[in-house]
Structures are given as C-alpha cells and as structure tokens.
Amino acid sequence: MMPGGLSDTKSATPEVQHIVDQVKPQFESRVNKTHGIFQAIVYRTQVVAGINYFIKVRVSDSMYAHLRVFQSLPHENQGPSLVSYQTGKTRDDPLTYF
C-alpha cells in the first residue's frame, strides 16, 4: 500500500474493535445518542502522519455508521480520535474515503 492511499477492505480485528470502543464516547457525544450495539464490521486504513482508520460500525440491528478515526504515531502517546463520521449507512454501503 502506498502512503496516502486506502488499503483494501478487511474484516474487523480485535485491535480495530478496541479502537472503536475507545472512540464510542466521542461518537455518542456528537450524535447525542447512546448505542447498545457498537460493533466494528470492516475497515480500511490510510497511512498519513499516523493512520486513518475508516471503519464500518453496526449501531443497531439494521443501521450502520462509517467512522474515520485518526491514530497518531506511537511516540506521540495519544489515543485514537474520531475525525469524522457518516450515519444512516447500510450493511452494503461501500466504505470509501470521506
């Protein structure tokens, strides 16, 4: 993968779910709603000065959200931060750059 380009879509891993768990409070604060379900489904990455994660998250039985999460370089010692999100997505919507 070239720096700046998006990786192929991959199934979510426990590491990606951990990232999603860490940004859940940021997401819920922005949408002003809590979610009992917050499950990472698939993801893509983009190498920048750190890593952007584009993650499809199931937020209810039939609704999904796409999250863009920035993870800084390890030496910066900062947790992931929610950069942007898209709600109203479906299981079949492609995960693209936003």
PDB file of N, CA and C in Angstrom:
ATOM      1  N   MET A   1       0.844  -1.189   0.000  1.00  0.00           N
ATOM      2  CA  MET A   1       0.000   0.000   0.000  1.00  0.00           C
ATOM      3  C   MET A   1       0.882   1.243   0.000  1.00  0.00           C
ATOM      4  N   MET A   2       0.551   2.204  -0.824  1.00  0.00           N
ATOM      5  CA  MET A   2       1.302   3.454  -0.885  1.00  0.00           C
ATOM      6  C   MET A   2       0.825   4.402   0.202  1.00  0.00           C
ATOM      7  N   PRO A   3       1.757   5.187   0.769  1.00  0.00           N
ATOM      8  CA  PRO A   3       1.318   6.200   1.737  1.00  0.00           C
ATOM      9  C   PRO A   3       0.274   7.110   1.096  1.00  0.00           C
ATOM     10  N   GLY A   4      -0.778   7.382   1.840  1.00  0.00           N
ATOM     11  CA  GLY A   4      -1.846   8.248   1.350  1.00  0.00           C
ATOM     12  C   GLY A   4      -2.986   7.510   0.693  1.00  0.00           C
ATOM     13  N   GLY A   5      -2.736   6.284   0.197  1.00  0.00           N
ATOM     14  CA  GLY A   5      -3.792   5.518  -0.448  1.00  0.00           C
ATOM     15  C   GLY A   5      -4.549   4.669   0.566  1.00  0.00           C
ATOM     16  N   LEU A   6      -5.784   4.327   0.228  1.00  0.00           N
ATOM     17  CA  LEU A   6      -6.578   3.470   1.115  1.00  0.00           C
ATOM     18  C   LEU A   6      -6.251   2.006   0.861  1.00  0.00           C
ATOM     19  N   SER A   7      -6.175   1.251   1.942  1.00  0.00           N
ATOM     20  CA  SER A   7      -5.961  -0.190   1.830  1.00  0.00           C
ATOM     21  C   SER A   7      -7.228  -0.854   1.298  1.00  0.00           C
ATOM     22  N   ASP A   8      -7.117  -2.127   0.997  1.00  0.00           N
ATOM     23  CA  ASP A   8      -8.302  -2.914   0.675  1.00  0.00           C
ATOM     24  C   ASP A   8      -9.166  -3.025   1.923  1.00  0.00           C
ATOM     25  N   THR A   9     -10.440  -3.328   1.734  1.00  0.00           N
ATOM     26  CA  THR A   9     -11.353  -3.528   2.856  1.00  0.00           C
ATOM     27  C   THR A   9     -11.055  -4.876   3.502  1.00  0.00           C
ATOM     28  N   LYS A  10     -10.932  -4.865   4.828  1.00  0.00           N
ATOM     29  CA  LYS A  10     -10.620  -6.084   5.582  1.00  0.00           C
ATOM     30  C   LYS A  10     -11.648  -6.273   6.684  1.00  0.00           C
ATOM     31  N   SER A  11     -11.822  -7.517   7.099  1.00  0.00           N
ATOM     32  CA  SER A  11     -12.699  -7.802   8.239  1.00  0.00           C
ATOM     33  C   SER A  11     -12.097  -7.206   9.501  1.00  0.00           C
ATOM     34  N   ALA A  12     -12.972  -6.705  10.358  1.00  0.00           N
ATOM     35  CA  ALA A  12     -12.507  -6.083  11.596  1.00  0.00           C
ATOM     36  C   ALA A  12     -11.788  -7.099  12.471  1.00  0.00           C
ATOM     37  N   THR A  13     -10.763  -6.617  13.158  1.00  0.00           N
ATOM     38  CA  THR A  13      -9.963  -7.438  14.070  1.00  0.00           C
ATOM     39  C   THR A  13     -10.246  -6.990  15.505  1.00  0.00           C
ATOM     40  N   PRO A  14      -9.802  -7.747  16.499  1.00  0.00           N
ATOM     41  CA  PRO A  14      -9.950  -7.283  17.885  1.00  0.00           C
ATOM     42  C   PRO A  14      -9.289  -5.916  18.115  1.00  0.00           C
ATOM     43  N   GLU A  15      -8.162  -5.644  17.434  1.00  0.00           N
ATOM     44  CA  GLU A  15      -7.499  -4.342  17.559  1.00  0.00           C
ATOM     45  C   GLU A  15      -8.404  -3.214  17.058  1.00  0.00           C
ATOM     46  N   VAL A  16      -9.070  -3.435  15.925  1.00  0.00           N
ATOM     47  CA  VAL A  16      -9.975  -2.425  15.370  1.00  0.00           C
ATOM     48  C   VAL A  16     -11.178  -2.239  16.286  1.00  0.00           C
ATOM     49  N   GLN A  17     -11.696  -3.326  16.841  1.00  0.00           N
ATOM     50  CA  GLN A  17     -12.820  -3.208  17.785  1.00  0.00           C
ATOM     51  C   GLN A  17     -12.391  -2.398  19.005  1.00  0.00           C
ATOM     52  N   HIS A  18     -11.164  -2.579  19.457  1.00  0.00           N
ATOM     53  CA  HIS A  18     -10.655  -1.806  20.605  1.00  0.00           C
ATOM     54  C   HIS A  18     -10.630  -0.316  20.272  1.00  0.00           C
ATOM     55  N   ILE A  19     -10.214   0.024  19.063  1.00  0.00           N
ATOM     56  CA  ILE A  19     -10.208   1.429  18.624  1.00  0.00           C
ATOM     57  C   ILE A  19     -11.634   1.972  18.627  1.00  0.00           C
ATOM     58  N   VAL A  20     -12.569   1.200  18.081  1.00  0.00           N
ATOM     59  CA  VAL A  20     -13.979   1.604  18.037  1.00  0.00           C
ATOM     60  C   VAL A  20     -14.512   1.810  19.457  1.00  0.00           C
ATOM     61  N   ASP A  21     -14.167   0.909  20.365  1.00  0.00           N
ATOM     62  CA  ASP A  21     -14.607   1.043  21.756  1.00  0.00           C
ATOM     63  C   ASP A  21     -14.084   2.341  22.373  1.00  0.00           C
ATOM     64  N   GLN A  22     -12.843   2.719  22.021  1.00  0.00           N
ATOM     65  CA  GLN A  22     -12.243   3.926  22.579  1.00  0.00           C
ATOM     66  C   GLN A  22     -12.904   5.209  22.065  1.00  0.00           C
ATOM     67  N   VAL A  23     -13.387   5.208  20.816  1.00  0.00           N
ATOM     68  CA  VAL A  23     -13.990   6.427  20.262  1.00  0.00           C
ATOM     69  C   VAL A  23     -15.514   6.450  20.399  1.00  0.00           C
ATOM     70  N   LYS A  24     -16.104   5.381  20.925  1.00  0.00           N
ATOM     71  CA  LYS A  24     -17.564   5.340  21.091  1.00  0.00           C
ATOM     72  C   LYS A  24     -18.093   6.545  21.869  1.00  0.00           C
ATOM     73  N   PRO A  25     -17.481   6.940  22.998  1.00  0.00           N
ATOM     74  CA  PRO A  25     -17.996   8.122  23.713  1.00  0.00           C
ATOM     75  C   PRO A  25     -17.945   9.403  22.864  1.00  0.00           C
ATOM     76  N   GLN A  26     -16.908   9.559  22.045  1.00  0.00           N
ATOM     77  CA  GLN A  26     -16.812  10.730  21.166  1.00  0.00           C
ATOM     78  C   GLN A  26     -17.952  10.721  20.147  1.00  0.00           C
ATOM     79  N   PHE A  27     -18.216   9.553  19.565  1.00  0.00           N
ATOM     80  CA  PHE A  27     -19.290   9.416  18.583  1.00  0.00           C
ATOM     81  C   PHE A  27     -20.647   9.712  19.220  1.00  0.00           C
ATOM     82  N   GLU A  28     -20.912   9.083  20.370  1.00  0.00           N
ATOM     83  CA  GLU A  28     -22.210   9.269  21.023  1.00  0.00           C
ATOM     84  C   GLU A  28     -22.420  10.720  21.446  1.00  0.00           C
ATOM     85  N   SER A  29     -21.357  11.388  21.840  1.00  0.00           N
ATOM     86  CA  SER A  29     -21.455  12.798  22.204  1.00  0.00           C
ATOM     87  C   SER A  29     -21.824  13.650  20.987  1.00  0.00           C
ATOM     88  N   ARG A  30     -21.248  13.334  19.847  1.00  0.00           N
ATOM     89  CA  ARG A  30     -21.513  14.122  18.636  1.00  0.00           C
ATOM     90  C   ARG A  30     -22.907  13.891  18.074  1.00  0.00           C
ATOM     91  N   VAL A  31     -23.394  12.636  18.144  1.00  0.00           N
ATOM     92  CA  VAL A  31     -24.729  12.348  17.605  1.00  0.00           C
ATOM     93  C   VAL A  31     -25.802  12.491  18.664  1.00  0.00           C
ATOM     94  N   ASN A  32     -25.403  12.739  19.897  1.00  0.00           N
ATOM     95  CA  ASN A  32     -26.314  12.939  21.032  1.00  0.00           C
ATOM     96  C   ASN A  32     -27.255  11.751  21.201  1.00  0.00           C
ATOM     97  N   LYS A  33     -26.671  10.549  21.149  1.00  0.00           N
ATOM     98  CA  LYS A  33     -27.453   9.322  21.270  1.00  0.00           C
ATOM     99  C   LYS A  33     -26.526   8.206  21.736  1.00  0.00           C
ATOM    100  N   THR A  34     -27.033   7.325  22.606  1.00  0.00           N
ATOM    101  CA  THR A  34     -26.234   6.178  23.020  1.00  0.00           C
ATOM    102  C   THR A  34     -26.612   4.958  22.184  1.00  0.00           C
ATOM    103  N   HIS A  35     -25.680   4.042  22.058  1.00  0.00           N
ATOM    104  CA  HIS A  35     -25.887   2.842  21.253  1.00  0.00           C
ATOM    105  C   HIS A  35     -25.514   1.610  22.064  1.00  0.00           C
ATOM    106  N   GLY A  36     -26.450   0.665  22.174  1.00  0.00           N
ATOM    107  CA  GLY A  36     -26.169  -0.593  22.846  1.00  0.00           C
ATOM    108  C   GLY A  36     -25.261  -1.476  22.015  1.00  0.00           C
ATOM    109  N   ILE A  37     -25.402  -1.369  20.699  1.00  0.00           N
ATOM    110  CA  ILE A  37     -24.562  -2.125  19.759  1.00  0.00           C
ATOM    111  C   ILE A  37     -23.553  -1.137  19.180  1.00  0.00           C
ATOM    112  N   PHE A  38     -22.290  -1.513  19.157  1.00  0.00           N
ATOM    113  CA  PHE A  38     -21.250  -0.685  18.533  1.00  0.00           C
ATOM    114  C   PHE A  38     -20.141  -1.626  18.090  1.00  0.00           C
ATOM    115  N   GLN A  39     -20.427  -2.352  16.991  1.00  0.00           N
ATOM    116  CA  GLN A  39     -19.580  -3.456  16.551  1.00  0.00           C
ATOM    117  C   GLN A  39     -18.884  -3.130  15.240  1.00  0.00           C
ATOM    118  N   ALA A  40     -17.558  -3.178  15.251  1.00  0.00           N
ATOM    119  CA  ALA A  40     -16.774  -2.980  14.031  1.00  0.00           C
ATOM    120  C   ALA A  40     -17.012  -4.162  13.099  1.00  0.00           C
ATOM    121  N   ILE A  41     -17.265  -3.858  11.819  1.00  0.00           N
ATOM    122  CA  ILE A  41     -17.553  -4.903  10.835  1.00  0.00           C
ATOM    123  C   ILE A  41     -16.376  -5.068   9.868  1.00  0.00           C
ATOM    124  N   VAL A  42     -16.053  -3.992   9.162  1.00  0.00           N
ATOM    125  CA  VAL A  42     -14.924  -3.992   8.233  1.00  0.00           C
ATOM    126  C   VAL A  42     -14.179  -2.670   8.393  1.00  0.00           C
ATOM    127  N   TYR A  43     -12.965  -2.621   7.856  1.00  0.00           N
ATOM    128  CA  TYR A  43     -12.194  -1.391   7.942  1.00  0.00           C
ATOM    129  C   TYR A  43     -11.221  -1.270   6.783  1.00  0.00           C
ATOM    130  N   ARG A  44     -10.748  -0.052   6.578  1.00  0.00           N
ATOM    131  CA  ARG A  44      -9.675   0.261   5.636  1.00  0.00           C
ATOM    132  C   ARG A  44      -8.726   1.206   6.359  1.00  0.00           C
ATOM    133  N   THR A  45      -7.496   1.258   5.931  1.00  0.00           N
ATOM    134  CA  THR A  45      -6.537   2.167   6.553  1.00  0.00           C
ATOM    135  C   THR A  45      -5.912   3.065   5.510  1.00  0.00           C
ATOM    136  N   GLN A  46      -5.423   4.205   5.991  1.00  0.00           N
ATOM    137  CA  GLN A  46      -4.702   5.166   5.161  1.00  0.00           C
ATOM    138  C   GLN A  46      -3.506   5.628   5.985  1.00  0.00           C
ATOM    139  N   VAL A  47      -2.302   5.405   5.447  1.00  0.00           N
ATOM    140  CA  VAL A  47      -1.099   5.824   6.149  1.00  0.00           C
ATOM    141  C   VAL A  47      -0.858   7.300   5.868  1.00  0.00           C
ATOM    142  N   VAL A  48      -0.826   8.095   6.933  1.00  0.00           N
ATOM    143  CA  VAL A  48      -0.516   9.524   6.858  1.00  0.00           C
ATOM    144  C   VAL A  48       0.567   9.745   7.920  1.00  0.00           C
ATOM    145  N   ALA A  49       0.554  10.831   8.651  1.00  0.00           N
ATOM    146  CA  ALA A  49       1.493  11.010   9.769  1.00  0.00           C
ATOM    147  C   ALA A  49       0.876  10.315  10.978  1.00  0.00           C
ATOM    148  N   GLY A  50       0.641   9.037  10.832  1.00  0.00           N
ATOM    149  CA  GLY A  50      -0.126   8.195  11.727  1.00  0.00           C
ATOM    150  C   GLY A  50      -0.984   7.325  10.823  1.00  0.00           C
ATOM    151  N   ILE A  51      -2.116   6.879  11.308  1.00  0.00           N
ATOM    152  CA  ILE A  51      -3.004   6.048  10.485  1.00  0.00           C
ATOM    153  C   ILE A  51      -4.436   6.544  10.624  1.00  0.00           C
ATOM    154  N   ASN A  52      -5.098   6.747   9.477  1.00  0.00           N
ATOM    155  CA  ASN A  52      -6.536   6.975   9.456  1.00  0.00           C
ATOM    156  C   ASN A  52      -7.196   5.613   9.288  1.00  0.00           C
ATOM    157  N   TYR A  53      -8.126   5.313  10.163  1.00  0.00           N
ATOM    158  CA  TYR A  53      -8.940   4.102  10.042  1.00  0.00           C
ATOM    159  C   TYR A  53     -10.313   4.516   9.563  1.00  0.00           C
ATOM    160  N   PHE A  54     -10.788   3.880   8.507  1.00  0.00           N
ATOM    161  CA  PHE A  54     -12.159   4.044   8.033  1.00  0.00           C
ATOM    162  C   PHE A  54     -12.860   2.756   8.440  1.00  0.00           C
ATOM    163  N   ILE A  55     -13.839   2.862   9.336  1.00  0.00           N
ATOM    164  CA  ILE A  55     -14.421   1.673   9.959  1.00  0.00           C
ATOM    165  C   ILE A  55     -15.939   1.683   9.821  1.00  0.00           C
ATOM    166  N   LYS A  56     -16.479   0.577   9.322  1.00  0.00           N
ATOM    167  CA  LYS A  56     -17.940   0.402   9.289  1.00  0.00           C
ATOM    168  C   LYS A  56     -18.346  -0.212  10.615  1.00  0.00           C
ATOM    169  N   VAL A  57     -19.278   0.450  11.316  1.00  0.00           N
ATOM    170  CA  VAL A  57     -19.702   0.028  12.640  1.00  0.00           C
ATOM    171  C   VAL A  57     -21.211  -0.216  12.637  1.00  0.00           C
ATOM    172  N   ARG A  58     -21.614  -1.358  13.153  1.00  0.00           N
ATOM    173  CA  ARG A  58     -23.043  -1.642  13.318  1.00  0.00           C
ATOM    174  C   ARG A  58     -23.509  -0.963  14.592  1.00  0.00           C
ATOM    175  N   VAL A  59     -24.537  -0.101  14.470  1.00  0.00           N
ATOM    176  CA  VAL A  59     -25.034   0.654  15.628  1.00  0.00           C
ATOM    177  C   VAL A  59     -26.432   0.217  16.062  1.00  0.00           C
ATOM    178  N   SER A  60     -27.089  -0.612  15.262  1.00  0.00           N
ATOM    179  CA  SER A  60     -28.377  -1.218  15.632  1.00  0.00           C
ATOM    180  C   SER A  60     -28.549  -2.448  14.754  1.00  0.00           C
ATOM    181  N   ASP A  61     -29.706  -3.098  14.860  1.00  0.00           N
ATOM    182  CA  ASP A  61     -29.914  -4.313  14.071  1.00  0.00           C
ATOM    183  C   ASP A  61     -29.744  -4.082  12.574  1.00  0.00           C
ATOM    184  N   SER A  62     -30.156  -2.911  12.089  1.00  0.00           N
ATOM    185  CA  SER A  62     -30.112  -2.681  10.639  1.00  0.00           C
ATOM    186  C   SER A  62     -29.411  -1.387  10.236  1.00  0.00           C
ATOM    187  N   MET A  63     -28.870  -0.640  11.183  1.00  0.00           N
ATOM    188  CA  MET A  63     -28.222   0.639  10.864  1.00  0.00           C
ATOM    189  C   MET A  63     -26.723   0.567  11.122  1.00  0.00           C
ATOM    190  N   TYR A  64     -25.999   1.276  10.264  1.00  0.00           N
ATOM    191  CA  TYR A  64     -24.546   1.291  10.346  1.00  0.00           C
ATOM    192  C   TYR A  64     -24.063   2.732  10.282  1.00  0.00           C
ATOM    193  N   ALA A  65     -22.847   2.946  10.775  1.00  0.00           N
ATOM    194  CA  ALA A  65     -22.183   4.236  10.657  1.00  0.00           C
ATOM    195  C   ALA A  65     -20.782   3.978  10.134  1.00  0.00           C
ATOM    196  N   HIS A  66     -20.244   4.950   9.409  1.00  0.00           N
ATOM    197  CA  HIS A  66     -18.858   4.890   8.968  1.00  0.00           C
ATOM    198  C   HIS A  66     -18.082   5.899   9.795  1.00  0.00           C
ATOM    199  N   LEU A  67     -16.983   5.454  10.404  1.00  0.00           N
ATOM    200  CA  LEU A  67     -16.159   6.318  11.234  1.00  0.00           C
ATOM    201  C   LEU A  67     -14.806   6.523  10.581  1.00  0.00           C
ATOM    202  N   ARG A  68     -14.274   7.736  10.689  1.00  0.00           N
ATOM    203  CA  ARG A  68     -12.871   7.977  10.321  1.00  0.00           C
ATOM    204  C   ARG A  68     -12.167   8.316  11.624  1.00  0.00           C
ATOM    205  N   VAL A  69     -11.226   7.480  12.002  1.00  0.00           N
ATOM    206  CA  VAL A  69     -10.525   7.608  13.271  1.00  0.00           C
ATOM    207  C   VAL A  69      -9.042   7.775  12.984  1.00  0.00           C
ATOM    208  N   PHE A  70      -8.440   8.781  13.608  1.00  0.00           N
ATOM    209  CA  PHE A  70      -7.006   9.006  13.453  1.00  0.00           C
ATOM    210  C   PHE A  70      -6.262   8.449  14.652  1.00  0.00           C
ATOM    211  N   GLN A  71      -5.258   7.624  14.363  1.00  0.00           N
ATOM    212  CA  GLN A  71      -4.372   7.099  15.402  1.00  0.00           C
ATOM    213  C   GLN A  71      -2.985   7.670  15.139  1.00  0.00           C
ATOM    214  N   SER A  72      -2.515   8.514  16.066  1.00  0.00           N
ATOM    215  CA  SER A  72      -1.212   9.143  15.892  1.00  0.00           C
ATOM    216  C   SER A  72      -0.095   8.108  16.034  1.00  0.00           C
ATOM    217  N   LEU A  73       1.106   8.527  15.715  1.00  0.00           N
ATOM    218  CA  LEU A  73       2.267   7.654  15.823  1.00  0.00           C
ATOM    219  C   LEU A  73       2.498   7.268  17.287  1.00  0.00           C
ATOM    220  N   PRO A  74       3.018   6.066  17.524  1.00  0.00           N
ATOM    221  CA  PRO A  74       3.168   5.586  18.904  1.00  0.00           C
ATOM    222  C   PRO A  74       3.942   6.527  19.822  1.00  0.00           C
ATOM    223  N   HIS A  75       4.984   7.180  19.328  1.00  0.00           N
ATOM    224  CA  HIS A  75       5.792   8.040  20.209  1.00  0.00           C
ATOM    225  C   HIS A  75       5.034   9.288  20.671  1.00  0.00           C
ATOM    226  N   GLU A  76       3.922   9.598  20.022  1.00  0.00           N
ATOM    227  CA  GLU A  76       3.124  10.758  20.435  1.00  0.00           C
ATOM    228  C   GLU A  76       2.234  10.438  21.636  1.00  0.00           C
ATOM    229  N   ASN A  77       2.081   9.139  21.926  1.00  0.00           N
ATOM    230  CA  ASN A  77       1.396   8.687  23.134  1.00  0.00           C
ATOM    231  C   ASN A  77      -0.017   9.264  23.284  1.00  0.00           C
ATOM    232  N   GLN A  78      -0.784   9.255  22.198  1.00  0.00           N
ATOM    233  CA  GLN A  78      -2.160   9.735  22.233  1.00  0.00           C
ATOM    234  C   GLN A  78      -3.084   8.630  21.748  1.00  0.00           C
ATOM    235  N   GLY A  79      -4.275   8.590  22.313  1.00  0.00           N
ATOM    236  CA  GLY A  79      -5.258   7.604  21.896  1.00  0.00           C
ATOM    237  C   GLY A  79      -5.895   7.996  20.571  1.00  0.00           C
ATOM    238  N   PRO A  80      -6.722   7.130  20.037  1.00  0.00           N
ATOM    239  CA  PRO A  80      -7.395   7.426  18.778  1.00  0.00           C
ATOM    240  C   PRO A  80      -8.412   8.549  18.941  1.00  0.00           C
ATOM    241  N   SER A  81      -8.609   9.322  17.876  1.00  0.00           N
ATOM    242  CA  SER A  81      -9.612  10.380  17.929  1.00  0.00           C
ATOM    243  C   SER A  81     -10.544  10.275  16.724  1.00  0.00           C
ATOM    244  N   LEU A  82     -11.821  10.503  16.985  1.00  0.00           N
ATOM    245  CA  LEU A  82     -12.838  10.471  15.942  1.00  0.00           C
ATOM    246  C   LEU A  82     -12.730  11.756  15.129  1.00  0.00           C
ATOM    247  N   VAL A  83     -12.381  11.633  13.856  1.00  0.00           N
ATOM    248  CA  VAL A  83     -12.205  12.787  12.980  1.00  0.00           C
ATOM    249  C   VAL A  83     -13.520  13.146  12.305  1.00  0.00           C
ATOM    250  N   SER A  84     -14.220  12.134  11.804  1.00  0.00           N
ATOM    251  CA  SER A  84     -15.439  12.359  11.045  1.00  0.00           C
ATOM    252  C   SER A  84     -16.282  11.092  11.089  1.00  0.00           C
ATOM    253  N   TYR A  85     -17.534  11.227  10.722  1.00  0.00           N
ATOM    254  CA  TYR A  85     -18.412  10.062  10.693  1.00  0.00           C
ATOM    255  C   TYR A  85     -19.540  10.309   9.710  1.00  0.00           C
ATOM    256  N   GLN A  86     -20.163   9.214   9.284  1.00  0.00           N
ATOM    257  CA  GLN A  86     -21.349   9.254   8.440  1.00  0.00           C
ATOM    258  C   GLN A  86     -22.353   8.281   9.046  1.00  0.00           C
ATOM    259  N   THR A  87     -23.583   8.757   9.257  1.00  0.00           N
ATOM    260  CA  THR A  87     -24.629   7.892   9.801  1.00  0.00           C
ATOM    261  C   THR A  87     -25.608   7.530   8.692  1.00  0.00           C
ATOM    262  N   GLY A  88     -26.568   6.670   9.002  1.00  0.00           N
ATOM    263  CA  GLY A  88     -27.587   6.281   8.024  1.00  0.00           C
ATOM    264  C   GLY A  88     -27.061   5.348   6.958  1.00  0.00           C
ATOM    265  N   LYS A  89     -26.003   4.622   7.259  1.00  0.00           N
ATOM    266  CA  LYS A  89     -25.421   3.689   6.296  1.00  0.00           C
ATOM    267  C   LYS A  89     -26.082   2.318   6.433  1.00  0.00           C
ATOM    268  N   THR A  90     -25.944   1.503   5.392  1.00  0.00           N
ATOM    269  CA  THR A  90     -26.459   0.138   5.416  1.00  0.00           C
ATOM    270  C   THR A  90     -25.296  -0.833   5.398  1.00  0.00           C
ATOM    271  N   ARG A  91     -25.620  -2.095   5.597  1.00  0.00           N
ATOM    272  CA  ARG A  91     -24.598  -3.146   5.589  1.00  0.00           C
ATOM    273  C   ARG A  91     -23.858  -3.187   4.251  1.00  0.00           C
ATOM    274  N   ASP A  92     -24.554  -2.849   3.165  1.00  0.00           N
ATOM    275  CA  ASP A  92     -23.980  -2.987   1.835  1.00  0.00           C
ATOM    276  C   ASP A  92     -23.304  -1.721   1.306  1.00  0.00           C
ATOM    277  N   ASP A  93     -23.404  -0.591   2.020  1.00  0.00           N
ATOM    278  CA  ASP A  93     -22.755   0.623   1.541  1.00  0.00           C
ATOM    279  C   ASP A  93     -21.238   0.434   1.535  1.00  0.00           C
ATOM    280  N   PRO A  94     -20.572   0.804   0.428  1.00  0.00           N
ATOM    281  CA  PRO A  94     -19.112   0.653   0.395  1.00  0.00           C
ATOM    282  C   PRO A  94     -18.445   1.631   1.357  1.00  0.00           C
ATOM    283  N   LEU A  95     -17.333   1.190   1.902  1.00  0.00           N
ATOM    284  CA  LEU A  95     -16.535   2.005   2.820  1.00  0.00           C
ATOM    285  C   LEU A  95     -15.521   2.763   1.973  1.00  0.00           C
ATOM    286  N   THR A  96     -15.758   4.078   1.820  1.00  0.00           N
ATOM    287  CA  THR A  96     -14.905   4.895   0.951  1.00  0.00           C
ATOM    288  C   THR A  96     -14.350   6.075   1.742  1.00  0.00           C
ATOM    289  N   TYR A  97     -13.428   6.795   1.114  1.00  0.00           N
ATOM    290  CA  TYR A  97     -12.840   7.970   1.752  1.00  0.00           C
ATOM    291  C   TYR A  97     -13.914   9.034   1.971  1.00  0.00           C
ATOM    292  N   PHE A  98     -13.895   9.661   3.120  1.00  0.00           N
ATOM    293  CA  PHE A  98     -14.776  10.802   3.391  1.00  0.00           C
ATOM    294  C   PHE A  98     -14.085  11.732   4.350  1.00  0.00           C
TER     295      PHE A  98
END
